[in-house]
Amino acid sequence: MADVVFVIESVLGRPVSLVGQSMGGHTALLVASARPDLVERLVLLEAGVGGDGDDRSRSDLHRFFTSWPAPFVDETHARAFLGDSSLARAWMADLEVRPDGLWPRFDPDVMVATIAHVDAHPRWQEWCSLDVPSLAVFGAEGMFSAAVKDEFVSRGRHVQRVDLDGGSHDAHLDAFPQWIDALKAFLAPAHGTEHHDS
């Protein structure tokens, strides 16, 4: 969270529209809660208040990422293991080229430790007191149940909701046109006003 605040203050120097997906959305929520002076509008894609993970879910995540046979020899090798889904293609596009092959740019241990902080406890107080115009976007086939999505939206103060047909937890990849339409509609400046996006 401190890194986001630093970039907004030191690099941009003005309030922004903050957009985040999944854990990035959770971070954006906390930034908007702690520093509402820096956030004009908030967009959360497949994100919530946290507190919904456990040791098993984190163990499964760690097991998956440590199962990658890195380094991959080449893109063909990576595709054979990862598949050809929208998410797999994004992972492959982000592989780092090193002399011995293609490596993921993340450490599974660091990733799981970071997610453990999100899982520690739900941030309902921050969300319910947030006074920033917000858009909650969910994939119709994402990770949240209908009840969880309904509660999240109903407990927010200034929240619009959009559900993306066919979208998964990674709806910005597999429901991209709908995601962009929702984003543009929410972030479009009101007539005669100006805003800054980041």
N, C-alpha and C. Protein backbone atom coordinates (compact mmCIF):
# COMPACT_ATOMS: atom_id res chain seq x y z
N MET A 1 0.82 -1.19 0.00
CA MET A 1 0.00 0.00 0.00
C MET A 1 0.87 1.26 0.00
N ALA A 2 1.92 1.24 0.78
CA ALA A 2 2.80 2.41 0.86
C ALA A 2 3.44 2.72 -0.48
N ASP A 3 3.73 1.69 -1.28
CA ASP A 3 4.32 1.91 -2.59
C ASP A 3 3.36 2.65 -3.51
N VAL A 4 2.08 2.28 -3.45
CA VAL A 4 1.08 2.94 -4.29
C VAL A 4 0.95 4.41 -3.89
N VAL A 5 0.88 4.66 -2.61
CA VAL A 5 0.80 6.04 -2.12
C VAL A 5 2.02 6.84 -2.57
N PHE A 6 3.19 6.23 -2.48
CA PHE A 6 4.43 6.91 -2.89
C PHE A 6 4.37 7.31 -4.36
N VAL A 7 3.93 6.39 -5.22
CA VAL A 7 3.86 6.69 -6.66
C VAL A 7 2.87 7.82 -6.92
N ILE A 8 1.71 7.75 -6.29
CA ILE A 8 0.70 8.80 -6.52
C ILE A 8 1.24 10.16 -6.08
N GLU A 9 1.83 10.20 -4.90
CA GLU A 9 2.31 11.48 -4.36
C GLU A 9 3.56 11.98 -5.07
N SER A 10 4.53 11.11 -5.27
CA SER A 10 5.84 11.54 -5.75
C SER A 10 5.97 11.58 -7.26
N VAL A 11 5.27 10.69 -7.95
CA VAL A 11 5.40 10.62 -9.40
C VAL A 11 4.27 11.38 -10.08
N LEU A 12 3.04 11.13 -9.65
CA LEU A 12 1.89 11.77 -10.30
C LEU A 12 1.55 13.12 -9.68
N GLY A 13 1.61 13.20 -8.36
CA GLY A 13 1.39 14.47 -7.69
C GLY A 13 -0.03 14.99 -7.72
N ARG A 14 -0.99 14.12 -7.91
CA ARG A 14 -2.39 14.53 -7.96
C ARG A 14 -3.27 13.31 -7.70
N PRO A 15 -4.54 13.53 -7.32
CA PRO A 15 -5.45 12.40 -7.12
C PRO A 15 -5.68 11.63 -8.42
N VAL A 16 -5.98 10.35 -8.31
CA VAL A 16 -6.14 9.49 -9.48
C VAL A 16 -7.39 8.63 -9.35
N SER A 17 -7.76 8.03 -10.47
CA SER A 17 -8.73 6.94 -10.47
C SER A 17 -7.91 5.66 -10.35
N LEU A 18 -8.17 4.90 -9.30
CA LEU A 18 -7.35 3.73 -8.98
C LEU A 18 -8.09 2.46 -9.37
N VAL A 19 -7.41 1.59 -10.15
CA VAL A 19 -8.02 0.36 -10.65
C VAL A 19 -7.17 -0.82 -10.20
N GLY A 20 -7.83 -1.87 -9.66
CA GLY A 20 -7.09 -3.05 -9.24
C GLY A 20 -7.90 -4.32 -9.43
N GLN A 21 -7.20 -5.41 -9.73
CA GLN A 21 -7.83 -6.72 -9.90
C GLN A 21 -7.33 -7.68 -8.82
N SER A 22 -8.23 -8.45 -8.25
CA SER A 22 -7.89 -9.47 -7.26
C SER A 22 -7.14 -8.86 -6.08
N MET A 23 -5.94 -9.35 -5.78
CA MET A 23 -5.18 -8.80 -4.67
C MET A 23 -4.81 -7.33 -4.92
N GLY A 24 -4.63 -6.97 -6.19
CA GLY A 24 -4.38 -5.56 -6.52
C GLY A 24 -5.58 -4.69 -6.18
N GLY A 25 -6.79 -5.26 -6.33
CA GLY A 25 -7.98 -4.53 -5.95
C GLY A 25 -8.09 -4.35 -4.45
N HIS A 26 -7.69 -5.38 -3.72
CA HIS A 26 -7.68 -5.30 -2.25
C HIS A 26 -6.73 -4.18 -1.81
N THR A 27 -5.56 -4.11 -2.44
CA THR A 27 -4.61 -3.05 -2.13
C THR A 27 -5.19 -1.69 -2.47
N ALA A 28 -5.83 -1.58 -3.63
CA ALA A 28 -6.43 -0.31 -4.04
C ALA A 28 -7.50 0.13 -3.04
N LEU A 29 -8.29 -0.82 -2.56
CA LEU A 29 -9.31 -0.51 -1.55
C LEU A 29 -8.68 0.08 -0.31
N LEU A 30 -7.59 -0.53 0.16
CA LEU A 30 -6.93 -0.04 1.37
C LEU A 30 -6.31 1.34 1.16
N VAL A 31 -5.77 1.58 -0.04
CA VAL A 31 -5.21 2.90 -0.34
C VAL A 31 -6.32 3.95 -0.31
N ALA A 32 -7.44 3.65 -0.95
CA ALA A 32 -8.55 4.61 -0.99
C ALA A 32 -9.10 4.87 0.40
N SER A 33 -9.10 3.86 1.25
CA SER A 33 -9.60 4.03 2.61
C SER A 33 -8.64 4.88 3.44
N ALA A 34 -7.35 4.58 3.34
CA ALA A 34 -6.36 5.29 4.15
C ALA A 34 -6.09 6.70 3.64
N ARG A 35 -6.15 6.86 2.30
CA ARG A 35 -5.82 8.17 1.70
C ARG A 35 -6.88 8.57 0.67
N PRO A 36 -8.09 8.84 1.11
CA PRO A 36 -9.14 9.24 0.16
C PRO A 36 -8.82 10.53 -0.58
N ASP A 37 -7.91 11.32 -0.05
CA ASP A 37 -7.50 12.54 -0.73
C ASP A 37 -6.73 12.27 -2.01
N LEU A 38 -6.23 11.03 -2.15
CA LEU A 38 -5.45 10.68 -3.33
C LEU A 38 -6.23 9.91 -4.38
N VAL A 39 -7.46 9.50 -4.05
CA VAL A 39 -8.23 8.64 -4.94
C VAL A 39 -9.57 9.29 -5.29
N GLU A 40 -9.73 9.63 -6.58
CA GLU A 40 -10.98 10.23 -7.04
C GLU A 40 -12.07 9.18 -7.23
N ARG A 41 -11.68 8.06 -7.82
CA ARG A 41 -12.60 6.97 -8.07
C ARG A 41 -11.86 5.65 -7.94
N LEU A 42 -12.62 4.61 -7.62
CA LEU A 42 -12.03 3.30 -7.35
C LEU A 42 -12.74 2.25 -8.18
N VAL A 43 -11.96 1.42 -8.88
CA VAL A 43 -12.51 0.31 -9.66
C VAL A 43 -11.90 -0.98 -9.15
N LEU A 44 -12.75 -1.92 -8.74
CA LEU A 44 -12.30 -3.19 -8.22
C LEU A 44 -12.82 -4.31 -9.11
N LEU A 45 -11.92 -5.07 -9.71
CA LEU A 45 -12.29 -6.21 -10.54
C LEU A 45 -11.99 -7.49 -9.80
N GLU A 46 -13.04 -8.28 -9.55
CA GLU A 46 -12.88 -9.56 -8.85
C GLU A 46 -12.06 -9.38 -7.57
N ALA A 47 -12.45 -8.40 -6.79
CA ALA A 47 -11.76 -8.10 -5.54
C ALA A 47 -12.78 -7.96 -4.43
N GLY A 48 -12.31 -8.16 -3.20
CA GLY A 48 -13.20 -8.03 -2.06
C GLY A 48 -12.47 -7.53 -0.84
N VAL A 49 -13.04 -7.81 0.33
CA VAL A 49 -12.47 -7.30 1.57
C VAL A 49 -11.40 -8.23 2.15
N GLY A 50 -11.20 -9.40 1.52
CA GLY A 50 -10.22 -10.34 2.04
C GLY A 50 -10.77 -11.18 3.18
N GLY A 51 -9.86 -11.92 3.81
CA GLY A 51 -10.26 -12.76 4.93
C GLY A 51 -10.92 -14.05 4.52
N ASP A 52 -10.88 -14.39 3.22
CA ASP A 52 -11.60 -15.56 2.75
C ASP A 52 -10.70 -16.73 2.36
N GLY A 53 -9.41 -16.61 2.57
CA GLY A 53 -8.50 -17.71 2.28
C GLY A 53 -8.17 -18.49 3.52
N ASP A 54 -7.51 -19.64 3.34
CA ASP A 54 -7.09 -20.45 4.48
C ASP A 54 -5.80 -21.18 4.13
N ASP A 55 -5.31 -21.98 5.08
CA ASP A 55 -4.05 -22.70 4.85
C ASP A 55 -4.13 -23.60 3.63
N ARG A 56 -5.28 -24.23 3.44
CA ARG A 56 -5.42 -25.15 2.31
C ARG A 56 -5.35 -24.42 0.98
N SER A 57 -6.07 -23.31 0.86
CA SER A 57 -6.06 -22.58 -0.41
C SER A 57 -4.67 -22.04 -0.72
N ARG A 58 -3.97 -21.58 0.31
CA ARG A 58 -2.61 -21.08 0.08
C ARG A 58 -1.66 -22.23 -0.25
N SER A 59 -1.87 -23.37 0.37
CA SER A 59 -1.04 -24.54 0.07
C SER A 59 -1.26 -25.00 -1.37
N ASP A 60 -2.51 -25.00 -1.81
CA ASP A 60 -2.81 -25.39 -3.19
C ASP A 60 -2.16 -24.43 -4.18
N LEU A 61 -2.21 -23.14 -3.87
CA LEU A 61 -1.59 -22.14 -4.75
C LEU A 61 -0.08 -22.35 -4.82
N HIS A 62 0.54 -22.55 -3.67
CA HIS A 62 1.98 -22.77 -3.62
C HIS A 62 2.36 -24.03 -4.40
N ARG A 63 1.57 -25.08 -4.24
CA ARG A 63 1.84 -26.35 -4.93
C ARG A 63 1.78 -26.17 -6.43
N PHE A 64 0.79 -25.39 -6.90
CA PHE A 64 0.67 -25.18 -8.34
C PHE A 64 1.88 -24.44 -8.89
N PHE A 65 2.25 -23.33 -8.27
CA PHE A 65 3.35 -22.54 -8.82
C PHE A 65 4.70 -23.24 -8.69
N THR A 66 4.89 -24.01 -7.65
CA THR A 66 6.17 -24.74 -7.53
C THR A 66 6.21 -25.96 -8.44
N SER A 67 5.07 -26.31 -9.04
CA SER A 67 5.05 -27.44 -9.98
C SER A 67 5.54 -27.04 -11.37
N TRP A 68 5.67 -25.74 -11.61
CA TRP A 68 6.14 -25.31 -12.92
C TRP A 68 7.56 -25.83 -13.16
N PRO A 69 7.81 -26.48 -14.28
CA PRO A 69 9.15 -27.00 -14.56
C PRO A 69 10.09 -25.90 -15.08
N ALA A 70 10.28 -24.89 -14.26
CA ALA A 70 11.14 -23.77 -14.65
C ALA A 70 12.61 -24.11 -14.42
N PRO A 71 13.47 -23.67 -15.32
CA PRO A 71 13.13 -22.80 -16.46
C PRO A 71 12.51 -23.59 -17.62
N PHE A 72 11.61 -22.92 -18.34
CA PHE A 72 11.10 -23.50 -19.57
C PHE A 72 12.16 -23.32 -20.66
N VAL A 73 12.31 -24.32 -21.48
CA VAL A 73 13.32 -24.25 -22.54
C VAL A 73 12.99 -23.13 -23.52
N ASP A 74 11.71 -23.04 -23.89
CA ASP A 74 11.26 -22.02 -24.84
C ASP A 74 9.75 -21.86 -24.69
N GLU A 75 9.15 -21.02 -25.54
CA GLU A 75 7.71 -20.77 -25.45
C GLU A 75 6.89 -22.03 -25.73
N THR A 76 7.37 -22.87 -26.62
CA THR A 76 6.65 -24.11 -26.93
C THR A 76 6.59 -25.00 -25.69
N HIS A 77 7.69 -25.09 -24.98
CA HIS A 77 7.74 -25.87 -23.74
C HIS A 77 6.80 -25.27 -22.70
N ALA A 78 6.80 -23.94 -22.59
CA ALA A 78 5.93 -23.28 -21.62
C ALA A 78 4.46 -23.50 -21.97
N ARG A 79 4.13 -23.39 -23.24
CA ARG A 79 2.74 -23.56 -23.67
C ARG A 79 2.27 -24.99 -23.44
N ALA A 80 3.16 -25.94 -23.65
CA ALA A 80 2.79 -27.34 -23.44
C ALA A 80 2.41 -27.60 -21.99
N PHE A 81 3.05 -26.88 -21.06
CA PHE A 81 2.74 -27.07 -19.64
C PHE A 81 1.59 -26.20 -19.19
N LEU A 82 1.60 -24.92 -19.57
CA LEU A 82 0.63 -23.96 -19.06
C LEU A 82 -0.70 -23.99 -19.80
N GLY A 83 -0.70 -24.43 -21.06
CA GLY A 83 -1.92 -24.44 -21.83
C GLY A 83 -2.06 -23.18 -22.68
N ASP A 84 -3.27 -22.97 -23.20
CA ASP A 84 -3.47 -21.86 -24.12
C ASP A 84 -4.66 -20.99 -23.70
N SER A 85 -4.94 -20.93 -22.41
CA SER A 85 -6.00 -20.06 -21.93
C SER A 85 -5.51 -18.61 -21.94
N SER A 86 -6.45 -17.69 -21.73
CA SER A 86 -6.07 -16.27 -21.68
C SER A 86 -5.06 -16.02 -20.57
N LEU A 87 -5.28 -16.66 -19.41
CA LEU A 87 -4.37 -16.48 -18.29
C LEU A 87 -3.01 -17.09 -18.59
N ALA A 88 -3.00 -18.27 -19.20
CA ALA A 88 -1.72 -18.92 -19.54
C ALA A 88 -0.93 -18.06 -20.51
N ARG A 89 -1.60 -17.47 -21.48
CA ARG A 89 -0.89 -16.60 -22.44
C ARG A 89 -0.31 -15.38 -21.73
N ALA A 90 -1.03 -14.85 -20.73
CA ALA A 90 -0.50 -13.71 -19.97
C ALA A 90 0.73 -14.12 -19.18
N TRP A 91 0.68 -15.31 -18.56
CA TRP A 91 1.85 -15.80 -17.82
C TRP A 91 3.05 -15.95 -18.76
N MET A 92 2.82 -16.52 -19.94
CA MET A 92 3.92 -16.72 -20.88
C MET A 92 4.50 -15.40 -21.36
N ALA A 93 3.64 -14.42 -21.58
CA ALA A 93 4.12 -13.12 -22.04
C ALA A 93 4.99 -12.44 -20.99
N ASP A 94 4.82 -12.84 -19.73
CA ASP A 94 5.56 -12.20 -18.64
C ASP A 94 6.80 -12.99 -18.21
N LEU A 95 7.07 -14.12 -18.86
CA LEU A 95 8.25 -14.90 -18.50
C LEU A 95 9.53 -14.10 -18.80
N GLU A 96 10.48 -14.23 -17.91
CA GLU A 96 11.75 -13.51 -18.06
C GLU A 96 12.75 -14.38 -18.79
N VAL A 97 13.37 -13.80 -19.81
CA VAL A 97 14.37 -14.52 -20.60
C VAL A 97 15.72 -14.44 -19.89
N ARG A 98 16.25 -15.62 -19.54
CA ARG A 98 17.57 -15.71 -18.93
C ARG A 98 18.43 -16.65 -19.78
N PRO A 99 19.74 -16.67 -19.56
CA PRO A 99 20.60 -17.54 -20.38
C PRO A 99 20.19 -19.01 -20.38
N ASP A 100 19.58 -19.48 -19.27
CA ASP A 100 19.23 -20.90 -19.19
C ASP A 100 17.77 -21.19 -19.53
N GLY A 101 17.01 -20.17 -19.98
CA GLY A 101 15.63 -20.42 -20.37
C GLY A 101 14.68 -19.34 -19.89
N LEU A 102 13.40 -19.67 -19.84
CA LEU A 102 12.36 -18.72 -19.46
C LEU A 102 11.90 -18.98 -18.03
N TRP A 103 11.92 -17.93 -17.22
CA TRP A 103 11.60 -18.03 -15.79
C TRP A 103 10.41 -17.14 -15.43
N PRO A 104 9.56 -17.59 -14.50
CA PRO A 104 8.52 -16.69 -13.97
C PRO A 104 9.17 -15.55 -13.21
N ARG A 105 8.51 -14.40 -13.18
CA ARG A 105 9.07 -13.22 -12.52
C ARG A 105 8.66 -13.13 -11.05
N PHE A 106 8.05 -14.16 -10.52
CA PHE A 106 7.60 -14.14 -9.14
C PHE A 106 8.17 -15.32 -8.38
N ASP A 107 8.22 -15.18 -7.07
CA ASP A 107 8.65 -16.24 -6.18
C ASP A 107 7.40 -16.79 -5.48
N PRO A 108 7.11 -18.09 -5.63
CA PRO A 108 5.91 -18.65 -5.00
C PRO A 108 5.83 -18.41 -3.50
N ASP A 109 6.96 -18.48 -2.80
CA ASP A 109 6.95 -18.26 -1.35
C ASP A 109 6.54 -16.82 -1.02
N VAL A 110 7.06 -15.86 -1.77
CA VAL A 110 6.70 -14.46 -1.55
C VAL A 110 5.24 -14.23 -1.87
N MET A 111 4.77 -14.82 -2.97
CA MET A 111 3.38 -14.65 -3.36
C MET A 111 2.43 -15.17 -2.28
N VAL A 112 2.69 -16.36 -1.78
CA VAL A 112 1.82 -16.96 -0.77
C VAL A 112 1.89 -16.16 0.53
N ALA A 113 3.07 -15.70 0.91
CA ALA A 113 3.21 -14.90 2.13
C ALA A 113 2.43 -13.60 2.01
N THR A 114 2.43 -13.02 0.81
CA THR A 114 1.69 -11.78 0.59
C THR A 114 0.19 -12.02 0.68
N ILE A 115 -0.27 -13.10 0.06
CA ILE A 115 -1.70 -13.42 0.10
C ILE A 115 -2.15 -13.74 1.52
N ALA A 116 -1.25 -14.28 2.33
CA ALA A 116 -1.60 -14.59 3.72
C ALA A 116 -2.02 -13.32 4.47
N HIS A 117 -1.43 -12.18 4.13
CA HIS A 117 -1.82 -10.92 4.77
C HIS A 117 -3.24 -10.52 4.36
N VAL A 118 -3.58 -10.77 3.09
CA VAL A 118 -4.94 -10.48 2.62
C VAL A 118 -5.94 -11.40 3.32
N ASP A 119 -5.52 -12.65 3.54
CA ASP A 119 -6.39 -13.64 4.17
C ASP A 119 -6.53 -13.45 5.68
N ALA A 120 -5.69 -12.61 6.26
CA ALA A 120 -5.63 -12.51 7.73
C ALA A 120 -6.97 -12.14 8.34
N HIS A 121 -7.61 -11.11 7.83
CA HIS A 121 -8.94 -10.75 8.33
C HIS A 121 -9.63 -9.85 7.32
N PRO A 122 -10.96 -9.91 7.25
CA PRO A 122 -11.68 -9.08 6.29
C PRO A 122 -11.62 -7.60 6.67
N ARG A 123 -11.55 -6.76 5.65
CA ARG A 123 -11.45 -5.31 5.87
C ARG A 123 -12.79 -4.63 5.64
N TRP A 124 -13.81 -5.12 6.34
CA TRP A 124 -15.13 -4.53 6.20
C TRP A 124 -15.17 -3.08 6.68
N GLN A 125 -14.49 -2.77 7.74
CA GLN A 125 -14.53 -1.41 8.26
C GLN A 125 -14.03 -0.41 7.22
N GLU A 126 -12.93 -0.76 6.57
CA GLU A 126 -12.37 0.13 5.55
C GLU A 126 -13.35 0.28 4.37
N TRP A 127 -13.93 -0.82 3.94
CA TRP A 127 -14.84 -0.80 2.80
C TRP A 127 -16.13 -0.05 3.12
N CYS A 128 -16.71 -0.34 4.27
CA CYS A 128 -18.00 0.26 4.62
C CYS A 128 -17.92 1.77 4.88
N SER A 129 -16.75 2.24 5.27
CA SER A 129 -16.60 3.67 5.55
C SER A 129 -16.06 4.45 4.36
N LEU A 130 -15.74 3.77 3.28
CA LEU A 130 -15.14 4.41 2.12
C LEU A 130 -16.13 5.35 1.45
N ASP A 131 -15.71 6.58 1.22
CA ASP A 131 -16.61 7.60 0.66
C ASP A 131 -16.20 7.99 -0.75
N VAL A 132 -15.53 7.08 -1.45
CA VAL A 132 -15.06 7.33 -2.81
C VAL A 132 -15.98 6.61 -3.79
N PRO A 133 -16.44 7.27 -4.86
CA PRO A 133 -17.25 6.58 -5.86
C PRO A 133 -16.52 5.33 -6.36
N SER A 134 -17.21 4.19 -6.33
CA SER A 134 -16.56 2.92 -6.62
C SER A 134 -17.36 2.09 -7.61
N LEU A 135 -16.63 1.30 -8.39
CA LEU A 135 -17.23 0.34 -9.31
C LEU A 135 -16.74 -1.05 -8.94
N ALA A 136 -17.67 -1.94 -8.64
CA ALA A 136 -17.33 -3.34 -8.34
C ALA A 136 -17.67 -4.17 -9.57
N VAL A 137 -16.66 -4.78 -10.16
CA VAL A 137 -16.84 -5.58 -11.37
C VAL A 137 -16.52 -7.04 -11.04
N PHE A 138 -17.43 -7.92 -11.44
CA PHE A 138 -17.24 -9.35 -11.17
C PHE A 138 -17.38 -10.14 -12.46
N GLY A 139 -16.60 -11.21 -12.57
CA GLY A 139 -16.81 -12.16 -13.64
C GLY A 139 -17.97 -13.07 -13.27
N ALA A 140 -18.86 -13.32 -14.24
CA ALA A 140 -20.00 -14.17 -13.96
C ALA A 140 -19.56 -15.56 -13.49
N GLU A 141 -18.37 -15.97 -13.91
CA GLU A 141 -17.82 -17.26 -13.50
C GLU A 141 -16.55 -17.06 -12.67
N GLY A 142 -16.53 -15.98 -11.88
CA GLY A 142 -15.37 -15.66 -11.06
C GLY A 142 -15.34 -16.43 -9.76
N MET A 143 -14.52 -15.96 -8.83
CA MET A 143 -14.27 -16.72 -7.60
C MET A 143 -15.27 -16.43 -6.49
N PHE A 144 -16.15 -15.43 -6.66
CA PHE A 144 -17.06 -15.05 -5.59
C PHE A 144 -18.47 -15.59 -5.83
N SER A 145 -19.10 -16.05 -4.77
CA SER A 145 -20.48 -16.53 -4.87
C SER A 145 -21.43 -15.34 -5.02
N ALA A 146 -22.65 -15.62 -5.44
CA ALA A 146 -23.65 -14.56 -5.59
C ALA A 146 -23.89 -13.85 -4.27
N ALA A 147 -23.94 -14.61 -3.18
CA ALA A 147 -24.19 -14.01 -1.86
C ALA A 147 -23.05 -13.09 -1.44
N VAL A 148 -21.83 -13.50 -1.70
CA VAL A 148 -20.67 -12.68 -1.33
C VAL A 148 -20.66 -11.39 -2.15
N LYS A 149 -20.95 -11.48 -3.43
CA LYS A 149 -20.98 -10.28 -4.27
C LYS A 149 -22.08 -9.33 -3.82
N ASP A 150 -23.25 -9.88 -3.53
CA ASP A 150 -24.36 -9.04 -3.08
C ASP A 150 -24.03 -8.32 -1.78
N GLU A 151 -23.42 -9.03 -0.84
CA GLU A 151 -23.07 -8.42 0.44
C GLU A 151 -22.03 -7.32 0.25
N PHE A 152 -21.04 -7.60 -0.55
CA PHE A 152 -19.98 -6.62 -0.78
C PHE A 152 -20.55 -5.32 -1.33
N VAL A 153 -21.39 -5.43 -2.34
CA VAL A 153 -21.95 -4.23 -2.96
C VAL A 153 -22.91 -3.52 -2.01
N SER A 154 -23.75 -4.28 -1.32
CA SER A 154 -24.76 -3.66 -0.45
C SER A 154 -24.14 -2.93 0.73
N ARG A 155 -22.97 -3.35 1.18
CA ARG A 155 -22.35 -2.72 2.33
C ARG A 155 -21.45 -1.55 1.97
N GLY A 156 -21.21 -1.35 0.68
CA GLY A 156 -20.45 -0.18 0.24
C GLY A 156 -21.33 1.05 0.23
N ARG A 157 -20.74 2.22 0.17
CA ARG A 157 -21.49 3.47 0.29
C ARG A 157 -21.85 4.09 -1.05
N HIS A 158 -20.94 4.10 -1.99
CA HIS A 158 -21.20 4.72 -3.30
C HIS A 158 -20.71 3.74 -4.38
N VAL A 159 -21.45 2.65 -4.53
CA VAL A 159 -20.96 1.55 -5.37
C VAL A 159 -21.90 1.26 -6.53
N GLN A 160 -21.32 1.17 -7.71
CA GLN A 160 -22.00 0.61 -8.87
C GLN A 160 -21.47 -0.79 -9.09
N ARG A 161 -22.28 -1.62 -9.72
CA ARG A 161 -21.86 -3.01 -9.95
C ARG A 161 -22.05 -3.39 -11.40
N VAL A 162 -21.07 -4.15 -11.92
CA VAL A 162 -21.16 -4.71 -13.27
C VAL A 162 -20.72 -6.17 -13.19
N ASP A 163 -21.49 -7.05 -13.82
CA ASP A 163 -21.11 -8.45 -13.94
C ASP A 163 -20.79 -8.74 -15.40
N LEU A 164 -19.64 -9.34 -15.64
CA LEU A 164 -19.18 -9.59 -17.00
C LEU A 164 -19.51 -11.02 -17.41
N ASP A 165 -20.41 -11.18 -18.38
CA ASP A 165 -20.79 -12.51 -18.86
C ASP A 165 -19.57 -13.24 -19.40
N GLY A 166 -19.43 -14.48 -18.98
CA GLY A 166 -18.33 -15.30 -19.48
C GLY A 166 -17.00 -15.01 -18.83
N GLY A 167 -16.95 -14.02 -17.96
CA GLY A 167 -15.69 -13.66 -17.33
C GLY A 167 -15.38 -14.56 -16.15
N SER A 168 -14.11 -14.87 -15.99
CA SER A 168 -13.64 -15.64 -14.84
C SER A 168 -13.04 -14.67 -13.82
N HIS A 169 -12.25 -15.20 -12.89
CA HIS A 169 -11.54 -14.32 -11.97
C HIS A 169 -10.59 -13.39 -12.72
N ASP A 170 -10.17 -13.83 -13.89
CA ASP A 170 -9.29 -13.02 -14.74
C ASP A 170 -10.09 -12.43 -15.89
N ALA A 171 -11.21 -11.79 -15.55
CA ALA A 171 -12.11 -11.26 -16.57
C ALA A 171 -11.48 -10.18 -17.42
N HIS A 172 -10.43 -9.52 -16.91
CA HIS A 172 -9.73 -8.52 -17.73
C HIS A 172 -9.03 -9.18 -18.91
N LEU A 173 -8.88 -10.50 -18.86
CA LEU A 173 -8.26 -11.25 -19.95
C LEU A 173 -9.31 -11.96 -20.81
N ASP A 174 -10.23 -12.69 -20.15
CA ASP A 174 -11.16 -13.51 -20.93
C ASP A 174 -12.51 -12.86 -21.20
N ALA A 175 -12.73 -11.66 -20.68
CA ALA A 175 -13.92 -10.87 -21.04
C ALA A 175 -13.46 -9.44 -21.31
N PHE A 176 -12.37 -9.32 -22.04
CA PHE A 176 -11.70 -8.04 -22.22
C PHE A 176 -12.59 -6.94 -22.80
N PRO A 177 -13.33 -7.19 -23.88
CA PRO A 177 -14.15 -6.08 -24.43
C PRO A 177 -15.18 -5.56 -23.44
N GLN A 178 -15.84 -6.47 -22.71
CA GLN A 178 -16.83 -6.04 -21.72
C GLN A 178 -16.17 -5.28 -20.57
N TRP A 179 -14.99 -5.73 -20.17
CA TRP A 179 -14.23 -5.08 -19.10
C TRP A 179 -13.88 -3.64 -19.50
N ILE A 180 -13.39 -3.48 -20.70
CA ILE A 180 -13.02 -2.14 -21.18
C ILE A 180 -14.25 -1.24 -21.27
N ASP A 181 -15.37 -1.79 -21.74
CA ASP A 181 -16.60 -1.00 -21.82
C ASP A 181 -17.02 -0.51 -20.43
N ALA A 182 -16.97 -1.41 -19.45
CA ALA A 182 -17.36 -1.04 -18.08
C ALA A 182 -16.42 0.01 -17.52
N LEU A 183 -15.14 -0.16 -17.78
CA LEU A 183 -14.13 0.77 -17.28
C LEU A 183 -14.32 2.15 -17.89
N LYS A 184 -14.50 2.20 -19.20
CA LYS A 184 -14.68 3.48 -19.88
C LYS A 184 -15.94 4.19 -19.41
N ALA A 185 -17.01 3.44 -19.24
CA ALA A 185 -18.28 4.05 -18.83
C ALA A 185 -18.17 4.67 -17.45
N PHE A 186 -17.48 4.00 -16.54
CA PHE A 186 -17.36 4.51 -15.18
C PHE A 186 -16.38 5.66 -15.08
N LEU A 187 -15.31 5.59 -15.85
CA LEU A 187 -14.26 6.60 -15.74
C LEU A 187 -14.46 7.79 -16.68
N ALA A 188 -15.47 7.72 -17.54
CA ALA A 188 -15.72 8.84 -18.44
C ALA A 188 -16.00 10.10 -17.63
N PRO A 189 -15.33 11.21 -17.94
CA PRO A 189 -15.56 12.44 -17.17
C PRO A 189 -16.97 12.95 -17.35
N ALA A 190 -17.53 13.47 -16.26
CA ALA A 190 -18.85 14.08 -16.34
C ALA A 190 -18.76 15.31 -17.23
N HIS A 191 -19.86 15.70 -17.80
CA HIS A 191 -19.88 16.85 -18.72
C HIS A 191 -19.33 18.10 -18.04
N GLY A 192 -18.33 18.68 -18.67
CA GLY A 192 -17.79 19.93 -18.15
C GLY A 192 -16.79 19.75 -17.02
N THR A 193 -16.40 18.51 -16.71
CA THR A 193 -15.44 18.30 -15.63
C THR A 193 -14.24 17.56 -16.17
N GLU A 194 -13.19 17.56 -15.39
CA GLU A 194 -11.96 16.88 -15.77
C GLU A 194 -11.52 15.99 -14.63
N HIS A 195 -10.96 14.84 -14.96
CA HIS A 195 -10.40 13.98 -13.92
C HIS A 195 -9.11 13.36 -14.44
N HIS A 196 -8.38 12.77 -13.55
CA HIS A 196 -7.08 12.18 -13.90
C HIS A 196 -7.12 10.70 -13.58
N ASP A 197 -6.69 9.89 -14.53
CA ASP A 197 -6.68 8.44 -14.35
C ASP A 197 -5.25 7.93 -14.21
N SER A 198 -5.14 6.82 -13.50
CA SER A 198 -3.83 6.17 -13.41
C SER A 198 -4.06 4.68 -13.36
